[in-house]
Amino acid sequence: MECGTFVYDEVAGVVGEFRGSDGPYAMLRPVGGGREWQADPVRIRPATQAERLSAGVRAVNERARAAVSAHLDRELPPLPVPVKGCGVCDDLAELRRKALLRYDGSAESDTIVLLRRHLAQEHDGG
């Protein structure tokens, strides 16, 4: 069997990429990368096209979930605080409040960016 061949490990129930042999074992790596595992060469067979496709889709989905999870785990900076008595700050705060009431996350984000920019330019960072 050639390195890079996709095989189905009947014991583990997954598709892996054949990486070579280590003693009596076949060394397989998960589709999409990851930690290799040992498989009994008698219990592996060439993966079908459907099995390869399914394993590829699963690997892409896992990478996407990991990327989203890493993004969501980041701490967000605190929300900007409007300066009392500033008309621009009051207007932006009101726009943000209305966006929140409409469940308009895009408009809310825009007002936060505009308020941060205003604070930095007109109030020395707030």
C-alpha atoms as a PDB file:
ATOM      1  CA  MET A   1       0.000   0.000   0.000  1.00  0.00           C
ATOM      2  CA  GLU A   2       1.332   3.468  -0.894  1.00  0.00           C
ATOM      3  CA  CYS A   3       1.712   6.374   1.502  1.00  0.00           C
ATOM      4  CA  GLY A   4      -1.146   8.828   1.115  1.00  0.00           C
ATOM      5  CA  THR A   5      -3.725   6.152   0.280  1.00  0.00           C
ATOM      6  CA  PHE A   6      -7.015   6.643   2.093  1.00  0.00           C
ATOM      7  CA  VAL A   7      -8.120   3.540   3.947  1.00  0.00           C
ATOM      8  CA  TYR A   8     -11.010   2.572   6.166  1.00  0.00           C
ATOM      9  CA  ASP A   9     -10.038   1.261   9.603  1.00  0.00           C
ATOM     10  CA  GLU A  10     -12.767  -1.279  10.421  1.00  0.00           C
ATOM     11  CA  VAL A  11     -11.855  -1.361  14.125  1.00  0.00           C
ATOM     12  CA  ALA A  12     -11.875   2.433  14.666  1.00  0.00           C
ATOM     13  CA  GLY A  13     -14.687   2.940  12.151  1.00  0.00           C
ATOM     14  CA  VAL A  14     -12.965   5.884  10.453  1.00  0.00           C
ATOM     15  CA  VAL A  15     -11.099   6.806   7.297  1.00  0.00           C
ATOM     16  CA  GLY A  16      -7.407   7.524   7.633  1.00  0.00           C
ATOM     17  CA  GLU A  17      -4.451   8.277   5.422  1.00  0.00           C
ATOM     18  CA  PHE A  18      -1.916   5.444   5.269  1.00  0.00           C
ATOM     19  CA  ARG A  19       1.472   6.812   6.407  1.00  0.00           C
ATOM     20  CA  GLY A  20       3.527   3.623   6.490  1.00  0.00           C
ATOM     21  CA  SER A  21       4.205   0.610   8.677  1.00  0.00           C
ATOM     22  CA  ASP A  22       5.650   0.400  12.159  1.00  0.00           C
ATOM     23  CA  GLY A  23       6.421  -3.186  13.037  1.00  0.00           C
ATOM     24  CA  PRO A  24       3.219  -5.213  12.660  1.00  0.00           C
ATOM     25  CA  TYR A  25       1.006  -2.093  12.491  1.00  0.00           C
ATOM     26  CA  ALA A  26      -0.205   0.213   9.763  1.00  0.00           C
ATOM     27  CA  MET A  27       0.214   3.872  10.734  1.00  0.00           C
ATOM     28  CA  LEU A  28      -2.800   6.007   9.829  1.00  0.00           C
ATOM     29  CA  ARG A  29      -3.404   9.734  10.141  1.00  0.00           C
ATOM     30  CA  PRO A  30      -6.835  11.377  10.335  1.00  0.00           C
ATOM     31  CA  VAL A  31      -8.106  13.045   7.173  1.00  0.00           C
ATOM     32  CA  GLY A  32      -7.247  16.718   7.501  1.00  0.00           C
ATOM     33  CA  GLY A  33      -4.306  16.025   9.813  1.00  0.00           C
ATOM     34  CA  GLY A  34      -3.902  15.108  13.420  1.00  0.00           C
ATOM     35  CA  ARG A  35      -2.354  12.460  15.607  1.00  0.00           C
ATOM     36  CA  GLU A  36      -1.487   9.172  13.921  1.00  0.00           C
ATOM     37  CA  TRP A  37      -2.787   5.877  15.210  1.00  0.00           C
ATOM     38  CA  GLN A  38      -1.841   2.249  14.791  1.00  0.00           C
ATOM     39  CA  ALA A  39      -4.166  -0.105  12.965  1.00  0.00           C
ATOM     40  CA  ASP A  40      -4.156  -3.815  12.286  1.00  0.00           C
ATOM     41  CA  PRO A  41      -3.242  -4.102   8.571  1.00  0.00           C
ATOM     42  CA  VAL A  42      -5.632  -7.044   8.251  1.00  0.00           C
ATOM     43  CA  ARG A  43      -8.541  -4.823   9.395  1.00  0.00           C
ATOM     44  CA  ILE A  44      -8.026  -1.932   6.954  1.00  0.00           C
ATOM     45  CA  ARG A  45      -9.208  -1.673   3.361  1.00  0.00           C
ATOM     46  CA  PRO A  46      -9.205   1.010   0.671  1.00  0.00           C
ATOM     47  CA  ALA A  47     -11.810   3.646   1.499  1.00  0.00           C
ATOM     48  CA  THR A  48     -14.713   4.071  -0.882  1.00  0.00           C
ATOM     49  CA  GLN A  49     -15.218   7.402  -2.621  1.00  0.00           C
ATOM     50  CA  ALA A  50     -18.243   8.090  -0.384  1.00  0.00           C
ATOM     51  CA  GLU A  51     -16.192   7.344   2.760  1.00  0.00           C
ATOM     52  CA  ARG A  52     -13.362   9.638   1.594  1.00  0.00           C
ATOM     53  CA  LEU A  53     -15.804  12.424   0.785  1.00  0.00           C
ATOM     54  CA  SER A  54     -17.589  12.075   4.124  1.00  0.00           C
ATOM     55  CA  ALA A  55     -14.280  12.138   6.022  1.00  0.00           C
ATOM     56  CA  GLY A  56     -13.160  15.235   4.098  1.00  0.00           C
ATOM     57  CA  VAL A  57     -16.391  17.082   4.851  1.00  0.00           C
ATOM     58  CA  ARG A  58     -16.116  16.095   8.528  1.00  0.00           C
ATOM     59  CA  ALA A  59     -12.541  17.425   8.668  1.00  0.00           C
ATOM     60  CA  VAL A  60     -13.554  20.758   7.105  1.00  0.00           C
ATOM     61  CA  ASN A  61     -16.484  21.098   9.521  1.00  0.00           C
ATOM     62  CA  GLU A  62     -14.260  20.357  12.523  1.00  0.00           C
ATOM     63  CA  ARG A  63     -11.742  23.010  11.428  1.00  0.00           C
ATOM     64  CA  ALA A  64     -14.548  25.543  10.954  1.00  0.00           C
ATOM     65  CA  ARG A  65     -16.014  24.757  14.396  1.00  0.00           C
ATOM     66  CA  ALA A  66     -12.579  25.111  15.983  1.00  0.00           C
ATOM     67  CA  ALA A  67     -12.051  28.478  14.280  1.00  0.00           C
ATOM     68  CA  VAL A  68     -15.434  29.765  15.436  1.00  0.00           C
ATOM     69  CA  SER A  69     -14.846  28.453  18.946  1.00  0.00           C
ATOM     70  CA  ALA A  70     -11.444  30.153  19.124  1.00  0.00           C
ATOM     71  CA  HIS A  71     -13.030  33.385  17.940  1.00  0.00           C
ATOM     72  CA  LEU A  72     -15.867  33.183  20.484  1.00  0.00           C
ATOM     73  CA  ASP A  73     -13.486  32.426  23.340  1.00  0.00           C
ATOM     74  CA  ARG A  74     -11.701  35.748  22.861  1.00  0.00           C
ATOM     75  CA  GLU A  75     -12.415  38.414  25.404  1.00  0.00           C
ATOM     76  CA  LEU A  76     -14.090  41.428  23.893  1.00  0.00           C
ATOM     77  CA  PRO A  77     -12.993  44.919  24.880  1.00  0.00           C
ATOM     78  CA  PRO A  78     -15.361  46.783  27.190  1.00  0.00           C
ATOM     79  CA  LEU A  79     -18.071  48.850  25.566  1.00  0.00           C
ATOM     80  CA  PRO A  80     -17.225  52.529  25.172  1.00  0.00           C
ATOM     81  CA  VAL A  81     -18.827  54.886  27.696  1.00  0.00           C
ATOM     82  CA  PRO A  82     -20.315  58.104  26.293  1.00  0.00           C
ATOM     83  CA  VAL A  83     -19.114  61.355  27.838  1.00  0.00           C
ATOM     84  CA  LYS A  84     -21.952  63.066  29.725  1.00  0.00           C
ATOM     85  CA  GLY A  85     -23.065  66.309  28.178  1.00  0.00           C
ATOM     86  CA  CYS A  86     -21.586  65.592  24.729  1.00  0.00           C
ATOM     87  CA  GLY A  87     -24.258  65.769  22.019  1.00  0.00           C
ATOM     88  CA  VAL A  88     -22.425  63.430  19.634  1.00  0.00           C
ATOM     89  CA  CYS A  89     -21.921  60.842  22.399  1.00  0.00           C
ATOM     90  CA  ASP A  90     -25.612  61.111  23.353  1.00  0.00           C
ATOM     91  CA  ASP A  91     -26.715  60.707  19.715  1.00  0.00           C
ATOM     92  CA  LEU A  92     -24.527  57.628  19.192  1.00  0.00           C
ATOM     93  CA  ALA A  93     -25.711  56.104  22.478  1.00  0.00           C
ATOM     94  CA  GLU A  94     -29.330  56.619  21.377  1.00  0.00           C
ATOM     95  CA  LEU A  95     -28.638  55.052  17.973  1.00  0.00           C
ATOM     96  CA  ARG A  96     -27.072  52.052  19.712  1.00  0.00           C
ATOM     97  CA  ARG A  97     -30.074  51.719  22.055  1.00  0.00           C
ATOM     98  CA  LYS A  98     -32.482  51.747  19.088  1.00  0.00           C
ATOM     99  CA  ALA A  99     -30.364  49.166  17.239  1.00  0.00           C
ATOM    100  CA  LEU A 100     -30.476  46.917  20.311  1.00  0.00           C
ATOM    101  CA  LEU A 101     -34.270  47.222  20.454  1.00  0.00           C
ATOM    102  CA  ARG A 102     -34.483  46.195  16.756  1.00  0.00           C
ATOM    103  CA  TYR A 103     -32.056  43.305  17.318  1.00  0.00           C
ATOM    104  CA  ASP A 104     -29.879  44.894  14.613  1.00  0.00           C
ATOM    105  CA  GLY A 105     -26.399  43.676  15.539  1.00  0.00           C
ATOM    106  CA  SER A 106     -24.797  45.282  12.509  1.00  0.00           C
ATOM    107  CA  ALA A 107     -26.126  48.752  13.342  1.00  0.00           C
ATOM    108  CA  GLU A 108     -25.167  48.262  16.987  1.00  0.00           C
ATOM    109  CA  SER A 109     -21.597  47.361  15.995  1.00  0.00           C
ATOM    110  CA  ASP A 110     -21.440  50.406  13.747  1.00  0.00           C
ATOM    111  CA  THR A 111     -22.449  52.746  16.580  1.00  0.00           C
ATOM    112  CA  ILE A 112     -19.847  51.181  18.883  1.00  0.00           C
ATOM    113  CA  VAL A 113     -17.130  51.756  16.279  1.00  0.00           C
ATOM    114  CA  LEU A 114     -18.286  55.329  15.696  1.00  0.00           C
ATOM    115  CA  LEU A 115     -18.414  56.054  19.432  1.00  0.00           C
ATOM    116  CA  ARG A 116     -14.916  54.635  19.960  1.00  0.00           C
ATOM    117  CA  ARG A 117     -13.613  56.752  17.086  1.00  0.00           C
ATOM    118  CA  HIS A 118     -15.380  59.867  18.436  1.00  0.00           C
ATOM    119  CA  LEU A 119     -14.022  59.275  21.954  1.00  0.00           C
ATOM    120  CA  ALA A 120     -10.479  58.859  20.623  1.00  0.00           C
ATOM    121  CA  GLN A 121     -10.646  61.990  18.465  1.00  0.00           C
ATOM    122  CA  GLU A 122     -12.642  64.361  20.651  1.00  0.00           C
ATOM    123  CA  HIS A 123     -12.229  63.130  24.214  1.00  0.00           C
ATOM    124  CA  ASP A 124      -8.644  61.771  24.273  1.00  0.00           C
ATOM    125  CA  GLY A 125      -9.832  58.158  24.255  1.00  0.00           C
ATOM    126  CA  GLY A 126     -12.742  58.670  26.654  1.00  0.00           C
END
